[in-house]
Amino acid sequence: VQLVESGGGLVQPGGSLRLSCAASR
């Protein structure tokens, strides 16, 4: 079992961001 997040960062108010989580099958 493993969960790995990615996609975080700095963004201005009103902006957009997409997070990803790669999971064990």
PDB file of all heavy atoms in Angstrom:
ATOM      1  N   VAL A   1       0.831  -1.198   0.000  1.00  0.00           N
ATOM      2  CA  VAL A   1       0.000   0.000   0.000  1.00  0.00           C
ATOM      3  C   VAL A   1       0.868   1.251   0.000  1.00  0.00           C
ATOM      4  O   VAL A   1       1.747   1.414   0.849  1.00  0.00           O
ATOM      5  CB  VAL A   1      -0.939   0.019   1.209  1.00  0.00           C
ATOM      6  CG1 VAL A   1      -1.714   1.332   1.256  1.00  0.00           C
ATOM      7  CG2 VAL A   1      -1.907  -1.148   1.141  1.00  0.00           C
ATOM      8  N   GLN A   2       0.603   2.125  -0.948  1.00  0.00           N
ATOM      9  CA  GLN A   2       1.362   3.354  -1.073  1.00  0.00           C
ATOM     10  C   GLN A   2       0.505   4.430  -1.723  1.00  0.00           C
ATOM     11  O   GLN A   2      -0.198   4.174  -2.701  1.00  0.00           O
ATOM     12  CB  GLN A   2       2.619   3.126  -1.898  1.00  0.00           C
ATOM     13  CG  GLN A   2       3.535   4.330  -1.974  1.00  0.00           C
ATOM     14  CD  GLN A   2       4.816   4.038  -2.734  1.00  0.00           C
ATOM     15  OE1 GLN A   2       4.975   2.984  -3.343  1.00  0.00           O
ATOM     16  NE2 GLN A   2       5.740   4.981  -2.708  1.00  0.00           N
ATOM     17  N   LEU A   3       0.567   5.635  -1.173  1.00  0.00           N
ATOM     18  CA  LEU A   3      -0.118   6.792  -1.725  1.00  0.00           C
ATOM     19  C   LEU A   3       0.896   7.918  -1.863  1.00  0.00           C
ATOM     20  O   LEU A   3       1.541   8.285  -0.887  1.00  0.00           O
ATOM     21  CB  LEU A   3      -1.265   7.241  -0.818  1.00  0.00           C
ATOM     22  CG  LEU A   3      -2.364   6.218  -0.517  1.00  0.00           C
ATOM     23  CD1 LEU A   3      -3.317   6.764   0.538  1.00  0.00           C
ATOM     24  CD2 LEU A   3      -3.121   5.867  -1.786  1.00  0.00           C
ATOM     25  N   VAL A   4       1.021   8.465  -3.053  1.00  0.00           N
ATOM     26  CA  VAL A   4       2.006   9.502  -3.318  1.00  0.00           C
ATOM     27  C   VAL A   4       1.321  10.701  -3.954  1.00  0.00           C
ATOM     28  O   VAL A   4       0.817  10.612  -5.072  1.00  0.00           O
ATOM     29  CB  VAL A   4       3.134   8.998  -4.229  1.00  0.00           C
ATOM     30  CG1 VAL A   4       4.150  10.111  -4.461  1.00  0.00           C
ATOM     31  CG2 VAL A   4       3.811   7.781  -3.622  1.00  0.00           C
ATOM     32  N   GLU A   5       1.321  11.822  -3.228  1.00  0.00           N
ATOM     33  CA  GLU A   5       0.701  13.048  -3.725  1.00  0.00           C
ATOM     34  C   GLU A   5       1.703  13.902  -4.492  1.00  0.00           C
ATOM     35  O   GLU A   5       2.906  13.857  -4.224  1.00  0.00           O
ATOM     36  CB  GLU A   5       0.138  13.883  -2.566  1.00  0.00           C
ATOM     37  CG  GLU A   5      -0.864  13.163  -1.681  1.00  0.00           C
ATOM     38  CD  GLU A   5      -0.237  12.661  -0.397  1.00  0.00           C
ATOM     39  OE1 GLU A   5       0.981  12.347  -0.404  1.00  0.00           O
ATOM     40  OE2 GLU A   5      -0.949  12.585   0.619  1.00  0.00           O
ATOM     41  N   SER A   6       1.177  14.711  -5.399  1.00  0.00           N
ATOM     42  CA  SER A   6       1.994  15.659  -6.128  1.00  0.00           C
ATOM     43  C   SER A   6       1.104  16.790  -6.634  1.00  0.00           C
ATOM     44  O   SER A   6      -0.117  16.673  -6.640  1.00  0.00           O
ATOM     45  CB  SER A   6       2.722  14.997  -7.299  1.00  0.00           C
ATOM     46  OG  SER A   6       1.804  14.476  -8.239  1.00  0.00           O
ATOM     47  N   GLY A   7       1.719  17.879  -7.056  1.00  0.00           N
ATOM     48  CA  GLY A   7       0.984  18.978  -7.658  1.00  0.00           C
ATOM     49  C   GLY A   7       0.809  20.205  -6.802  1.00  0.00           C
ATOM     50  O   GLY A   7       0.273  21.213  -7.274  1.00  0.00           O
ATOM     51  N   GLY A   8       1.240  20.158  -5.562  1.00  0.00           N
ATOM     52  CA  GLY A   8       1.117  21.312  -4.699  1.00  0.00           C
ATOM     53  C   GLY A   8       2.067  22.424  -5.113  1.00  0.00           C
ATOM     54  O   GLY A   8       2.986  22.221  -5.907  1.00  0.00           O
ATOM     55  N   GLY A   9       1.838  23.604  -4.562  1.00  0.00           N
ATOM     56  CA  GLY A   9       2.682  24.735  -4.877  1.00  0.00           C
ATOM     57  C   GLY A   9       2.056  26.039  -4.462  1.00  0.00           C
ATOM     58  O   GLY A   9       1.076  26.073  -3.723  1.00  0.00           O
ATOM     59  N   LEU A  10       2.632  27.126  -4.950  1.00  0.00           N
ATOM     60  CA  LEU A  10       2.153  28.474  -4.653  1.00  0.00           C
ATOM     61  C   LEU A  10       1.286  28.982  -5.793  1.00  0.00           C
ATOM     62  O   LEU A  10       1.671  28.904  -6.963  1.00  0.00           O
ATOM     63  CB  LEU A  10       3.336  29.416  -4.440  1.00  0.00           C
ATOM     64  CG  LEU A  10       3.026  30.894  -4.238  1.00  0.00           C
ATOM     65  CD1 LEU A  10       2.242  31.096  -2.947  1.00  0.00           C
ATOM     66  CD2 LEU A  10       4.310  31.698  -4.222  1.00  0.00           C
ATOM     67  N   VAL A  11       0.123  29.510  -5.443  1.00  0.00           N
ATOM     68  CA  VAL A  11      -0.793  30.043  -6.441  1.00  0.00           C
ATOM     69  C   VAL A  11      -1.477  31.284  -5.873  1.00  0.00           C
ATOM     70  O   VAL A  11      -1.682  31.392  -4.666  1.00  0.00           O
ATOM     71  CB  VAL A  11      -1.835  28.977  -6.854  1.00  0.00           C
ATOM     72  CG1 VAL A  11      -2.712  28.588  -5.676  1.00  0.00           C
ATOM     73  CG2 VAL A  11      -2.681  29.456  -8.017  1.00  0.00           C
ATOM     74  N   GLN A  12      -1.815  32.223  -6.742  1.00  0.00           N
ATOM     75  CA  GLN A  12      -2.493  33.437  -6.310  1.00  0.00           C
ATOM     76  C   GLN A  12      -3.977  33.196  -6.090  1.00  0.00           C
ATOM     77  O   GLN A  12      -4.558  32.285  -6.685  1.00  0.00           O
ATOM     78  CB  GLN A  12      -2.309  34.542  -7.351  1.00  0.00           C
ATOM     79  CG  GLN A  12      -0.878  35.022  -7.492  1.00  0.00           C
ATOM     80  CD  GLN A  12      -0.749  36.202  -8.436  1.00  0.00           C
ATOM     81  OE1 GLN A  12      -1.669  36.520  -9.180  1.00  0.00           O
ATOM     82  NE2 GLN A  12       0.391  36.856  -8.395  1.00  0.00           N
ATOM     83  N   PRO A  13      -4.610  33.997  -5.240  1.00  0.00           N
ATOM     84  CA  PRO A  13      -6.055  33.876  -5.059  1.00  0.00           C
ATOM     85  C   PRO A  13      -6.780  33.966  -6.391  1.00  0.00           C
ATOM     86  O   PRO A  13      -6.454  34.804  -7.235  1.00  0.00           O
ATOM     87  CB  PRO A  13      -6.398  35.058  -4.152  1.00  0.00           C
ATOM     88  CG  PRO A  13      -5.143  35.300  -3.383  1.00  0.00           C
ATOM     89  CD  PRO A  13      -4.027  35.030  -4.361  1.00  0.00           C
ATOM     90  N   GLY A  14      -7.762  33.091  -6.570  1.00  0.00           N
ATOM     91  CA  GLY A  14      -8.495  33.030  -7.819  1.00  0.00           C
ATOM     92  C   GLY A  14      -7.890  32.091  -8.836  1.00  0.00           C
ATOM     93  O   GLY A  14      -8.520  31.802  -9.863  1.00  0.00           O
ATOM     94  N   GLY A  15      -6.702  31.601  -8.563  1.00  0.00           N
ATOM     95  CA  GLY A  15      -6.023  30.700  -9.465  1.00  0.00           C
ATOM     96  C   GLY A  15      -6.464  29.263  -9.316  1.00  0.00           C
ATOM     97  O   GLY A  15      -7.357  28.944  -8.529  1.00  0.00           O
ATOM     98  N   SER A  16      -5.817  28.383 -10.074  1.00  0.00           N
ATOM     99  CA  SER A  16      -6.164  26.969 -10.091  1.00  0.00           C
ATOM    100  C   SER A  16      -4.940  26.098  -9.896  1.00  0.00           C
ATOM    101  O   SER A  16      -3.808  26.497 -10.192  1.00  0.00           O
ATOM    102  CB  SER A  16      -6.832  26.597 -11.419  1.00  0.00           C
ATOM    103  OG  SER A  16      -8.045  27.299 -11.618  1.00  0.00           O
ATOM    104  N   LEU A  17      -5.192  24.892  -9.427  1.00  0.00           N
ATOM    105  CA  LEU A  17      -4.143  23.923  -9.201  1.00  0.00           C
ATOM    106  C   LEU A  17      -4.764  22.537  -9.265  1.00  0.00           C
ATOM    107  O   LEU A  17      -5.925  22.358  -8.874  1.00  0.00           O
ATOM    108  CB  LEU A  17      -3.507  24.148  -7.832  1.00  0.00           C
ATOM    109  CG  LEU A  17      -2.040  23.790  -7.597  1.00  0.00           C
ATOM    110  CD1 LEU A  17      -1.134  24.558  -8.544  1.00  0.00           C
ATOM    111  CD2 LEU A  17      -1.671  24.098  -6.153  1.00  0.00           C
ATOM    112  N   ARG A  18      -4.011  21.559  -9.755  1.00  0.00           N
ATOM    113  CA  ARG A  18      -4.494  20.185  -9.768  1.00  0.00           C
ATOM    114  C   ARG A  18      -3.544  19.286  -9.002  1.00  0.00           C
ATOM    115  O   ARG A  18      -2.353  19.221  -9.298  1.00  0.00           O
ATOM    116  CB  ARG A  18      -4.652  19.651 -11.198  1.00  0.00           C
ATOM    117  CG  ARG A  18      -5.367  18.289 -11.227  1.00  0.00           C
ATOM    118  CD  ARG A  18      -5.608  17.766 -12.624  1.00  0.00           C
ATOM    119  NE  ARG A  18      -4.414  17.161 -13.201  1.00  0.00           N
ATOM    120  CZ  ARG A  18      -4.424  16.286 -14.191  1.00  0.00           C
ATOM    121  NH1 ARG A  18      -5.585  15.898 -14.719  1.00  0.00           N
ATOM    122  NH2 ARG A  18      -3.293  15.811 -14.675  1.00  0.00           N
ATOM    123  N   LEU A  19      -4.087  18.588  -8.029  1.00  0.00           N
ATOM    124  CA  LEU A  19      -3.326  17.634  -7.243  1.00  0.00           C
ATOM    125  C   LEU A  19      -3.539  16.225  -7.781  1.00  0.00           C
ATOM    126  O   LEU A  19      -4.609  15.895  -8.285  1.00  0.00           O
ATOM    127  CB  LEU A  19      -3.744  17.676  -5.776  1.00  0.00           C
ATOM    128  CG  LEU A  19      -3.700  19.034  -5.080  1.00  0.00           C
ATOM    129  CD1 LEU A  19      -4.089  18.873  -3.614  1.00  0.00           C
ATOM    130  CD2 LEU A  19      -2.322  19.668  -5.212  1.00  0.00           C
ATOM    131  N   SER A  20      -2.512  15.402  -7.648  1.00  0.00           N
ATOM    132  CA  SER A  20      -2.596  14.016  -8.072  1.00  0.00           C
ATOM    133  C   SER A  20      -2.200  13.097  -6.928  1.00  0.00           C
ATOM    134  O   SER A  20      -1.356  13.452  -6.104  1.00  0.00           O
ATOM    135  CB  SER A  20      -1.669  13.751  -9.265  1.00  0.00           C
ATOM    136  OG  SER A  20      -2.021  14.527 -10.380  1.00  0.00           O
ATOM    137  N   CYS A  21      -2.800  11.930  -6.896  1.00  0.00           N
ATOM    138  CA  CYS A  21      -2.462  10.911  -5.910  1.00  0.00           C
ATOM    139  C   CYS A  21      -2.343   9.579  -6.623  1.00  0.00           C
ATOM    140  O   CYS A  21      -3.345   9.031  -7.090  1.00  0.00           O
ATOM    141  CB  CYS A  21      -3.524  10.839  -4.816  1.00  0.00           C
ATOM    142  SG  CYS A  21      -3.293   9.466  -3.653  1.00  0.00           S
ATOM    143  N   ALA A  22      -1.124   9.086  -6.717  1.00  0.00           N
ATOM    144  CA  ALA A  22      -0.880   7.776  -7.310  1.00  0.00           C
ATOM    145  C   ALA A  22      -0.993   6.718  -6.223  1.00  0.00           C
ATOM    146  O   ALA A  22      -0.274   6.769  -5.227  1.00  0.00           O
ATOM    147  CB  ALA A  22       0.500   7.737  -7.953  1.00  0.00           C
ATOM    148  N   ALA A  23      -1.895   5.775  -6.414  1.00  0.00           N
ATOM    149  CA  ALA A  23      -2.205   4.786  -5.395  1.00  0.00           C
ATOM    150  C   ALA A  23      -1.832   3.379  -5.820  1.00  0.00           C
ATOM    151  O   ALA A  23      -1.730   3.077  -7.008  1.00  0.00           O
ATOM    152  CB  ALA A  23      -3.692   4.828  -5.046  1.00  0.00           C
ATOM    153  N   SER A  24      -1.639   2.513  -4.834  1.00  0.00           N
ATOM    154  CA  SER A  24      -1.389   1.108  -5.106  1.00  0.00           C
ATOM    155  C   SER A  24      -2.638   0.468  -5.686  1.00  0.00           C
ATOM    156  O   SER A  24      -3.749   0.729  -5.229  1.00  0.00           O
ATOM    157  CB  SER A  24      -0.983   0.375  -3.836  1.00  0.00           C
ATOM    158  OG  SER A  24       0.189   0.928  -3.277  1.00  0.00           O
ATOM    159  N   ARG A  25      -2.460  -0.379  -6.657  1.00  0.00           N
ATOM    160  CA  ARG A  25      -3.579  -1.053  -7.298  1.00  0.00           C
ATOM    161  C   ARG A  25      -4.397  -1.881  -6.305  1.00  0.00           C
ATOM    162  O   ARG A  25      -5.606  -2.013  -6.454  1.00  0.00           O
ATOM    163  CB  ARG A  25      -3.073  -1.948  -8.434  1.00  0.00           C
ATOM    164  CG  ARG A  25      -4.180  -2.603  -9.254  1.00  0.00           C
ATOM    165  CD  ARG A  25      -3.600  -3.489 -10.338  1.00  0.00           C
ATOM    166  NE  ARG A  25      -2.769  -2.745 -11.256  1.00  0.00           N
ATOM    167  CZ  ARG A  25      -3.217  -2.099 -12.325  1.00  0.00           C
ATOM    168  NH1 ARG A  25      -4.514  -2.112 -12.612  1.00  0.00           N
ATOM    169  NH2 ARG A  25      -2.387  -1.444 -13.112  1.00  0.00           N
TER     170      ARG A  25
END
